[in-house]
Amino acid sequence: MAIKANGLIFGADNIRAAKRKIYAVFADNGLSEGSAERLKRFAAEKAVPLYVLDGLPAILHKPKCLAAAIAGENIWKGIKAIMNCE
């Protein structure tokens, strides 16, 4: 649903270059050390949560995507409710 609503940004470089408000960042454990560190700094600067997990490409149905960000407020609210992290 988030993909169709254009509420996701894919890729570490695209996330860091985004002009839209970011609500959360997700990274796969397979992300390179350098990219993971840059995303960690980005999330800290923007004061948004960073979630590191296994299997992000399978979850997103994008085999080579190791990082994604939520860029839609309502989408983030829905995901937070599902994750029970409010």
C-alpha atoms as a PDB file:
ATOM      1  CA  MET A   1       0.000   0.000   0.000  1.00  0.00           C
ATOM      2  CA  ALA A   2       2.809   2.417   0.909  1.00  0.00           C
ATOM      3  CA  ILE A   3       4.542   1.779  -2.412  1.00  0.00           C
ATOM      4  CA  LYS A   4       1.406   2.599  -4.406  1.00  0.00           C
ATOM      5  CA  ALA A   5       0.814   5.727  -2.324  1.00  0.00           C
ATOM      6  CA  ASN A   6       4.361   6.925  -3.076  1.00  0.00           C
ATOM      7  CA  GLY A   7       5.058   6.893   0.659  1.00  0.00           C
ATOM      8  CA  LEU A   8       8.346   4.983   0.513  1.00  0.00           C
ATOM      9  CA  ILE A   9      11.810   6.046  -0.548  1.00  0.00           C
ATOM     10  CA  PHE A  10      14.130   3.231  -1.615  1.00  0.00           C
ATOM     11  CA  GLY A  11      17.911   3.150  -1.236  1.00  0.00           C
ATOM     12  CA  ALA A  12      20.291   4.724   1.260  1.00  0.00           C
ATOM     13  CA  ASP A  13      21.458   7.488  -1.092  1.00  0.00           C
ATOM     14  CA  ASN A  14      17.882   8.397  -2.084  1.00  0.00           C
ATOM     15  CA  ILE A  15      16.851   8.521   1.557  1.00  0.00           C
ATOM     16  CA  ARG A  16      19.667  10.884   2.467  1.00  0.00           C
ATOM     17  CA  ALA A  17      18.937  13.097  -0.573  1.00  0.00           C
ATOM     18  CA  ALA A  18      15.156  13.210  -0.026  1.00  0.00           C
ATOM     19  CA  LYS A  19      13.505  16.604   0.217  1.00  0.00           C
ATOM     20  CA  ARG A  20      10.347  15.128   1.764  1.00  0.00           C
ATOM     21  CA  LYS A  21       9.819  14.632   5.488  1.00  0.00           C
ATOM     22  CA  ILE A  22      11.023  11.219   6.637  1.00  0.00           C
ATOM     23  CA  TYR A  23       9.172   9.488   9.485  1.00  0.00           C
ATOM     24  CA  ALA A  24      11.235   6.303   9.858  1.00  0.00           C
ATOM     25  CA  VAL A  25      14.149   4.495   8.246  1.00  0.00           C
ATOM     26  CA  PHE A  26      14.453   0.741   7.750  1.00  0.00           C
ATOM     27  CA  ALA A  27      17.734  -0.987   6.933  1.00  0.00           C
ATOM     28  CA  ASP A  28      18.589  -4.610   6.254  1.00  0.00           C
ATOM     29  CA  ASN A  29      21.367  -6.340   8.195  1.00  0.00           C
ATOM     30  CA  GLY A  30      23.082  -6.948   4.850  1.00  0.00           C
ATOM     31  CA  LEU A  31      23.599  -3.233   4.203  1.00  0.00           C
ATOM     32  CA  SER A  32      27.262  -2.271   3.898  1.00  0.00           C
ATOM     33  CA  GLU A  33      28.919  -0.902   7.017  1.00  0.00           C
ATOM     34  CA  GLY A  34      29.465   2.518   5.456  1.00  0.00           C
ATOM     35  CA  SER A  35      25.889   2.886   4.233  1.00  0.00           C
ATOM     36  CA  ALA A  36      24.552   1.676   7.569  1.00  0.00           C
ATOM     37  CA  GLU A  37      26.638   4.257   9.416  1.00  0.00           C
ATOM     38  CA  ARG A  38      25.472   7.059   7.088  1.00  0.00           C
ATOM     39  CA  LEU A  39      21.832   6.061   7.611  1.00  0.00           C
ATOM     40  CA  LYS A  40      22.394   5.931  11.367  1.00  0.00           C
ATOM     41  CA  ARG A  41      23.759   9.500  11.317  1.00  0.00           C
ATOM     42  CA  PHE A  42      20.922  10.639   9.040  1.00  0.00           C
ATOM     43  CA  ALA A  43      18.267   9.166  11.348  1.00  0.00           C
ATOM     44  CA  ALA A  44      19.896  10.799  14.367  1.00  0.00           C
ATOM     45  CA  GLU A  45      20.090  14.199  12.625  1.00  0.00           C
ATOM     46  CA  LYS A  46      16.428  13.996  11.555  1.00  0.00           C
ATOM     47  CA  ALA A  47      15.365  12.549  14.942  1.00  0.00           C
ATOM     48  CA  VAL A  48      13.563   9.612  13.326  1.00  0.00           C
ATOM     49  CA  PRO A  49      13.714   5.949  14.325  1.00  0.00           C
ATOM     50  CA  LEU A  50      16.026   3.563  12.499  1.00  0.00           C
ATOM     51  CA  TYR A  51      14.988  -0.081  12.416  1.00  0.00           C
ATOM     52  CA  VAL A  52      17.547  -2.721  11.396  1.00  0.00           C
ATOM     53  CA  LEU A  53      16.084  -6.073  10.448  1.00  0.00           C
ATOM     54  CA  ASP A  54      16.607  -9.231   8.440  1.00  0.00           C
ATOM     55  CA  GLY A  55      14.822  -9.792   5.160  1.00  0.00           C
ATOM     56  CA  LEU A  56      13.912  -6.242   4.152  1.00  0.00           C
ATOM     57  CA  PRO A  57      14.181  -7.029   0.404  1.00  0.00           C
ATOM     58  CA  ALA A  58      11.641  -9.852   0.808  1.00  0.00           C
ATOM     59  CA  ILE A  59       9.300  -7.655   2.854  1.00  0.00           C
ATOM     60  CA  LEU A  60       9.426  -4.923   0.202  1.00  0.00           C
ATOM     61  CA  HIS A  61       9.351  -7.385  -2.731  1.00  0.00           C
ATOM     62  CA  LYS A  62      12.438  -5.602  -4.077  1.00  0.00           C
ATOM     63  CA  PRO A  63      15.321  -8.115  -4.174  1.00  0.00           C
ATOM     64  CA  LYS A  64      18.171  -5.594  -4.153  1.00  0.00           C
ATOM     65  CA  CYS A  65      16.719  -2.959  -1.824  1.00  0.00           C
ATOM     66  CA  LEU A  66      18.521  -2.895   1.525  1.00  0.00           C
ATOM     67  CA  ALA A  67      17.171   0.433   2.817  1.00  0.00           C
ATOM     68  CA  ALA A  68      13.818   2.197   2.755  1.00  0.00           C
ATOM     69  CA  ALA A  69      12.230   5.164   4.457  1.00  0.00           C
ATOM     70  CA  ILE A  70       8.643   6.053   5.231  1.00  0.00           C
ATOM     71  CA  ALA A  71       7.782   9.457   3.767  1.00  0.00           C
ATOM     72  CA  GLY A  72       4.050   9.525   4.394  1.00  0.00           C
ATOM     73  CA  GLU A  73       2.605  10.525   7.761  1.00  0.00           C
ATOM     74  CA  ASN A  74      -0.545   8.404   7.531  1.00  0.00           C
ATOM     75  CA  ILE A  75       1.409   5.416   6.295  1.00  0.00           C
ATOM     76  CA  TRP A  76       3.784   5.786   9.252  1.00  0.00           C
ATOM     77  CA  LYS A  77       0.856   6.004  11.675  1.00  0.00           C
ATOM     78  CA  GLY A  78      -0.535   2.754  10.268  1.00  0.00           C
ATOM     79  CA  ILE A  79       2.801   0.976  10.423  1.00  0.00           C
ATOM     80  CA  LYS A  80       3.369   2.146  14.005  1.00  0.00           C
ATOM     81  CA  ALA A  81      -0.021   0.775  14.991  1.00  0.00           C
ATOM     82  CA  ILE A  82       0.809  -2.586  13.413  1.00  0.00           C
ATOM     83  CA  MET A  83       4.219  -2.644  15.106  1.00  0.00           C
ATOM     84  CA  ASN A  84       2.679  -1.600  18.457  1.00  0.00           C
ATOM     85  CA  CYS A  85       5.379   0.999  19.004  1.00  0.00           C
ATOM     86  CA  GLU A  86       3.275   4.033  19.859  1.00  0.00           C
END
